Amino acid sequence: MMLLIKMAKLAFHPNAYLMNTRNVKRGLISRTRILFVLERKNATASILAKESELSYNVVLHHLHLLEGERIVSGVKKEKPFLWKSTGLGQQSLTST
C-alpha cells in the first residue's frame, strides 16, 4: 500500500502537524499515513500498522501524540481498542 508514501510531492495531512511536538519529516509522513487510514475507518493499532506499513510501536507512539492534541481518540469501551478521528483540526482540501 505504497500509495500513501507516493503522494504528490509529499503533501502531508493538515492534522499531521502538531503544536506541542517538533515536526520532523519522518513523523509527518508517519502521522499522514495513519490519518489517511483513520479518515476511511476506525481501526485498531495493529490494523493501522498493517495498512500504513509502519511498525506497531511507531503507530502507537504517533497515536498517543495525536491523542494529546485531540486529533484522534480511542474508543475505550470497544474490544479490541479502536482509534478514530475526532474531526478536530484542519480539514484536508480535496480537488473536485
N, C-alpha and C. Protein backbone atom coordinates (compact mmCIF):
# COMPACT_ATOMS: atom_id res chain seq x y z
N MET A 1 0.83 -1.19 0.00
CA MET A 1 0.00 0.00 0.00
C MET A 1 0.88 1.25 0.00
N MET A 2 1.76 1.32 -0.93
CA MET A 2 2.68 2.44 -1.00
C MET A 2 2.05 3.70 -1.58
N LEU A 3 0.74 3.68 -1.86
CA LEU A 3 0.11 4.86 -2.41
C LEU A 3 0.17 6.03 -1.44
N LEU A 4 0.20 5.75 -0.14
CA LEU A 4 0.27 6.84 0.84
C LEU A 4 1.62 7.52 0.83
N ILE A 5 2.69 6.76 0.62
CA ILE A 5 4.02 7.36 0.61
C ILE A 5 4.31 8.03 -0.72
N LYS A 6 3.66 7.58 -1.78
CA LYS A 6 3.90 8.16 -3.09
C LYS A 6 2.91 9.26 -3.38
N MET A 7 2.68 10.09 -2.40
CA MET A 7 1.77 11.21 -2.57
C MET A 7 2.47 12.27 -3.40
N ALA A 8 1.69 13.06 -4.08
CA ALA A 8 2.25 14.10 -4.94
C ALA A 8 3.11 15.05 -4.11
N LYS A 9 4.39 15.04 -4.36
CA LYS A 9 5.36 15.90 -3.70
C LYS A 9 5.22 15.88 -2.17
N LEU A 10 4.93 14.73 -1.62
CA LEU A 10 4.80 14.54 -0.18
C LEU A 10 3.90 15.57 0.48
N ALA A 11 2.67 15.62 0.03
CA ALA A 11 1.68 16.50 0.65
C ALA A 11 1.26 15.87 1.96
N PHE A 12 1.56 16.54 3.06
CA PHE A 12 1.23 16.00 4.38
C PHE A 12 -0.21 16.31 4.73
N HIS A 13 -0.82 15.42 5.50
CA HIS A 13 -2.16 15.66 6.00
C HIS A 13 -2.09 16.90 6.90
N PRO A 14 -3.07 17.82 6.80
CA PRO A 14 -3.00 19.04 7.61
C PRO A 14 -2.95 18.77 9.12
N ASN A 15 -3.54 17.68 9.58
CA ASN A 15 -3.53 17.37 11.01
C ASN A 15 -2.27 16.64 11.45
N ALA A 16 -1.37 16.36 10.52
CA ALA A 16 -0.11 15.71 10.89
C ALA A 16 0.83 16.68 11.61
N TYR A 17 0.62 17.98 11.40
CA TYR A 17 1.43 18.99 12.07
C TYR A 17 0.92 19.17 13.50
N LEU A 18 1.81 19.01 14.47
CA LEU A 18 1.42 19.09 15.87
C LEU A 18 1.95 20.37 16.50
N MET A 19 1.20 20.91 17.45
CA MET A 19 1.57 22.15 18.12
C MET A 19 2.65 21.92 19.19
N ASN A 20 2.58 20.82 19.92
CA ASN A 20 3.45 20.60 21.06
C ASN A 20 4.59 19.64 20.79
N THR A 21 4.84 19.34 19.54
CA THR A 21 5.86 18.37 19.16
C THR A 21 6.67 18.94 18.00
N ARG A 22 7.94 18.62 17.98
CA ARG A 22 8.78 19.03 16.86
C ARG A 22 8.34 18.24 15.63
N ASN A 23 8.04 18.93 14.56
CA ASN A 23 7.51 18.28 13.36
C ASN A 23 8.64 17.98 12.38
N VAL A 24 9.21 16.79 12.50
CA VAL A 24 10.24 16.36 11.57
C VAL A 24 9.58 15.57 10.44
N LYS A 25 10.26 15.48 9.33
CA LYS A 25 9.69 14.88 8.12
C LYS A 25 9.21 13.45 8.34
N ARG A 26 10.00 12.62 9.02
CA ARG A 26 9.60 11.22 9.25
C ARG A 26 8.32 11.14 10.07
N GLY A 27 8.19 11.98 11.08
CA GLY A 27 6.99 11.99 11.89
C GLY A 27 5.78 12.45 11.11
N LEU A 28 5.97 13.48 10.27
CA LEU A 28 4.87 13.97 9.44
C LEU A 28 4.39 12.90 8.47
N ILE A 29 5.34 12.17 7.90
CA ILE A 29 4.97 11.09 6.97
C ILE A 29 4.19 10.00 7.71
N SER A 30 4.68 9.62 8.87
CA SER A 30 4.00 8.56 9.65
C SER A 30 2.60 8.99 10.07
N ARG A 31 2.47 10.20 10.59
CA ARG A 31 1.15 10.67 11.01
C ARG A 31 0.21 10.84 9.83
N THR A 32 0.74 11.25 8.69
CA THR A 32 -0.08 11.37 7.49
C THR A 32 -0.63 10.01 7.08
N ARG A 33 0.20 8.99 7.08
CA ARG A 33 -0.25 7.64 6.73
C ARG A 33 -1.36 7.17 7.68
N ILE A 34 -1.15 7.39 8.98
CA ILE A 34 -2.13 6.98 9.99
C ILE A 34 -3.44 7.72 9.80
N LEU A 35 -3.37 9.02 9.59
CA LEU A 35 -4.58 9.83 9.46
C LEU A 35 -5.37 9.48 8.20
N PHE A 36 -4.68 9.16 7.11
CA PHE A 36 -5.39 8.76 5.90
C PHE A 36 -6.18 7.47 6.12
N VAL A 37 -5.63 6.55 6.87
CA VAL A 37 -6.36 5.31 7.17
C VAL A 37 -7.56 5.63 8.06
N LEU A 38 -7.35 6.46 9.09
CA LEU A 38 -8.43 6.79 10.02
C LEU A 38 -9.54 7.63 9.38
N GLU A 39 -9.24 8.33 8.29
CA GLU A 39 -10.29 9.05 7.58
C GLU A 39 -11.27 8.09 6.93
N ARG A 40 -10.79 6.91 6.56
CA ARG A 40 -11.65 5.92 5.91
C ARG A 40 -12.44 5.10 6.91
N LYS A 41 -11.82 4.77 8.08
CA LYS A 41 -12.49 3.87 9.02
C LYS A 41 -11.82 3.94 10.38
N ASN A 42 -12.56 3.54 11.40
CA ASN A 42 -11.98 3.34 12.73
C ASN A 42 -11.16 2.06 12.68
N ALA A 43 -10.05 2.02 13.41
CA ALA A 43 -9.18 0.85 13.30
C ALA A 43 -8.39 0.64 14.58
N THR A 44 -7.95 -0.58 14.78
CA THR A 44 -7.05 -0.89 15.89
C THR A 44 -5.64 -0.47 15.49
N ALA A 45 -4.75 -0.40 16.47
CA ALA A 45 -3.36 -0.03 16.19
C ALA A 45 -2.70 -1.05 15.27
N SER A 46 -3.04 -2.32 15.42
CA SER A 46 -2.42 -3.33 14.56
C SER A 46 -2.90 -3.22 13.12
N ILE A 47 -4.18 -2.89 12.92
CA ILE A 47 -4.68 -2.66 11.56
C ILE A 47 -4.04 -1.42 10.96
N LEU A 48 -3.92 -0.38 11.78
CA LEU A 48 -3.26 0.85 11.29
C LEU A 48 -1.82 0.57 10.89
N ALA A 49 -1.13 -0.24 11.69
CA ALA A 49 0.26 -0.58 11.37
C ALA A 49 0.34 -1.33 10.04
N LYS A 50 -0.55 -2.26 9.84
CA LYS A 50 -0.54 -3.06 8.61
C LYS A 50 -0.86 -2.20 7.40
N GLU A 51 -1.92 -1.40 7.49
CA GLU A 51 -2.36 -0.62 6.33
C GLU A 51 -1.47 0.58 6.03
N SER A 52 -0.81 1.11 7.05
CA SER A 52 0.08 2.25 6.81
C SER A 52 1.52 1.82 6.57
N GLU A 53 1.77 0.52 6.70
CA GLU A 53 3.11 -0.06 6.51
C GLU A 53 4.12 0.55 7.47
N LEU A 54 3.69 0.74 8.72
CA LEU A 54 4.56 1.22 9.79
C LEU A 54 4.60 0.15 10.87
N SER A 55 5.62 0.23 11.72
CA SER A 55 5.68 -0.74 12.82
C SER A 55 4.61 -0.40 13.86
N TYR A 56 4.21 -1.40 14.60
CA TYR A 56 3.18 -1.24 15.63
C TYR A 56 3.59 -0.18 16.66
N ASN A 57 4.85 -0.22 17.08
CA ASN A 57 5.33 0.75 18.08
C ASN A 57 5.32 2.18 17.55
N VAL A 58 5.66 2.36 16.30
CA VAL A 58 5.63 3.69 15.69
C VAL A 58 4.19 4.20 15.64
N VAL A 59 3.27 3.34 15.25
CA VAL A 59 1.86 3.72 15.19
C VAL A 59 1.35 4.13 16.57
N LEU A 60 1.65 3.34 17.60
CA LEU A 60 1.22 3.68 18.95
C LEU A 60 1.81 5.01 19.42
N HIS A 61 3.08 5.23 19.13
CA HIS A 61 3.72 6.49 19.51
C HIS A 61 2.99 7.68 18.90
N HIS A 62 2.72 7.61 17.61
CA HIS A 62 2.07 8.72 16.93
C HIS A 62 0.59 8.85 17.30
N LEU A 63 -0.07 7.74 17.57
CA LEU A 63 -1.45 7.82 18.04
C LEU A 63 -1.53 8.56 19.38
N HIS A 64 -0.57 8.31 20.25
CA HIS A 64 -0.57 9.00 21.54
C HIS A 64 -0.26 10.48 21.38
N LEU A 65 0.63 10.83 20.44
CA LEU A 65 0.88 12.24 20.16
C LEU A 65 -0.37 12.92 19.60
N LEU A 66 -1.04 12.24 18.66
CA LEU A 66 -2.26 12.79 18.07
C LEU A 66 -3.38 12.87 19.09
N GLU A 67 -3.45 11.91 19.99
CA GLU A 67 -4.46 11.93 21.03
C GLU A 67 -4.23 13.09 22.00
N GLY A 68 -2.97 13.41 22.28
CA GLY A 68 -2.63 14.52 23.15
C GLY A 68 -3.11 15.86 22.61
N GLU A 69 -3.24 15.95 21.29
CA GLU A 69 -3.73 17.18 20.66
C GLU A 69 -5.19 17.04 20.21
N ARG A 70 -5.83 15.97 20.67
CA ARG A 70 -7.25 15.69 20.43
C ARG A 70 -7.62 15.55 18.95
N ILE A 71 -6.69 15.08 18.15
CA ILE A 71 -6.96 14.85 16.73
C ILE A 71 -7.55 13.46 16.54
N VAL A 72 -7.13 12.51 17.37
CA VAL A 72 -7.71 11.17 17.38
C VAL A 72 -8.11 10.83 18.81
N SER A 73 -8.98 9.85 18.93
CA SER A 73 -9.33 9.36 20.27
C SER A 73 -9.55 7.86 20.19
N GLY A 74 -9.39 7.25 21.33
CA GLY A 74 -9.61 5.82 21.42
C GLY A 74 -10.99 5.53 21.95
N VAL A 75 -11.62 4.51 21.39
CA VAL A 75 -12.93 4.07 21.86
C VAL A 75 -12.66 3.01 22.92
N LYS A 76 -12.64 3.41 24.17
CA LYS A 76 -12.20 2.54 25.26
C LYS A 76 -13.20 1.45 25.60
N LYS A 77 -14.45 1.61 25.25
CA LYS A 77 -15.46 0.60 25.58
C LYS A 77 -15.44 -0.57 24.61
N GLU A 78 -14.79 -0.38 23.49
CA GLU A 78 -14.74 -1.42 22.46
C GLU A 78 -13.61 -2.40 22.75
N LYS A 79 -13.82 -3.63 22.41
CA LYS A 79 -12.77 -4.66 22.42
C LYS A 79 -12.75 -5.26 21.04
N PRO A 80 -11.71 -5.19 20.27
CA PRO A 80 -10.43 -4.57 20.59
C PRO A 80 -10.52 -3.05 20.58
N PHE A 81 -9.51 -2.42 21.18
CA PHE A 81 -9.44 -0.97 21.32
C PHE A 81 -9.37 -0.31 19.94
N LEU A 82 -10.36 0.50 19.61
CA LEU A 82 -10.40 1.17 18.30
C LEU A 82 -9.99 2.62 18.41
N TRP A 83 -9.33 3.11 17.39
CA TRP A 83 -8.96 4.51 17.28
C TRP A 83 -9.83 5.15 16.22
N LYS A 84 -10.18 6.42 16.42
CA LYS A 84 -10.99 7.13 15.44
C LYS A 84 -10.53 8.58 15.36
N SER A 85 -10.82 9.20 14.26
CA SER A 85 -10.54 10.62 14.07
C SER A 85 -11.63 11.41 14.78
N THR A 86 -11.25 12.47 15.48
CA THR A 86 -12.23 13.27 16.21
C THR A 86 -12.90 14.31 15.33
N GLY A 87 -12.30 14.62 14.19
CA GLY A 87 -12.84 15.66 13.33
C GLY A 87 -12.32 17.03 13.67
N LEU A 88 -11.55 17.14 14.75
CA LEU A 88 -10.95 18.42 15.11
C LEU A 88 -9.71 18.67 14.26
N GLY A 89 -9.29 19.88 14.20
CA GLY A 89 -8.10 20.24 13.44
C GLY A 89 -8.48 20.69 12.04
N GLN A 90 -7.48 20.85 11.22
CA GLN A 90 -7.69 21.32 9.87
C GLN A 90 -8.27 20.22 8.99
N GLN A 91 -9.05 20.60 8.03
CA GLN A 91 -9.63 19.65 7.10
C GLN A 91 -8.75 19.54 5.86
N SER A 92 -8.73 18.36 5.26
CA SER A 92 -8.00 18.15 4.02
C SER A 92 -8.70 18.85 2.89
N LEU A 93 -7.92 19.45 2.01
CA LEU A 93 -8.51 20.05 0.83
C LEU A 93 -8.53 19.01 -0.28
N THR A 94 -9.68 18.84 -0.88
CA THR A 94 -9.79 17.87 -1.96
C THR A 94 -10.15 18.61 -3.23
N SER A 95 -9.58 18.18 -4.32
CA SER A 95 -9.91 18.82 -5.60
C SER A 95 -11.13 18.13 -6.19
N THR A 96 -12.06 18.91 -6.66
CA THR A 96 -13.30 18.35 -7.22
C THR A 96 -13.35 18.52 -8.72
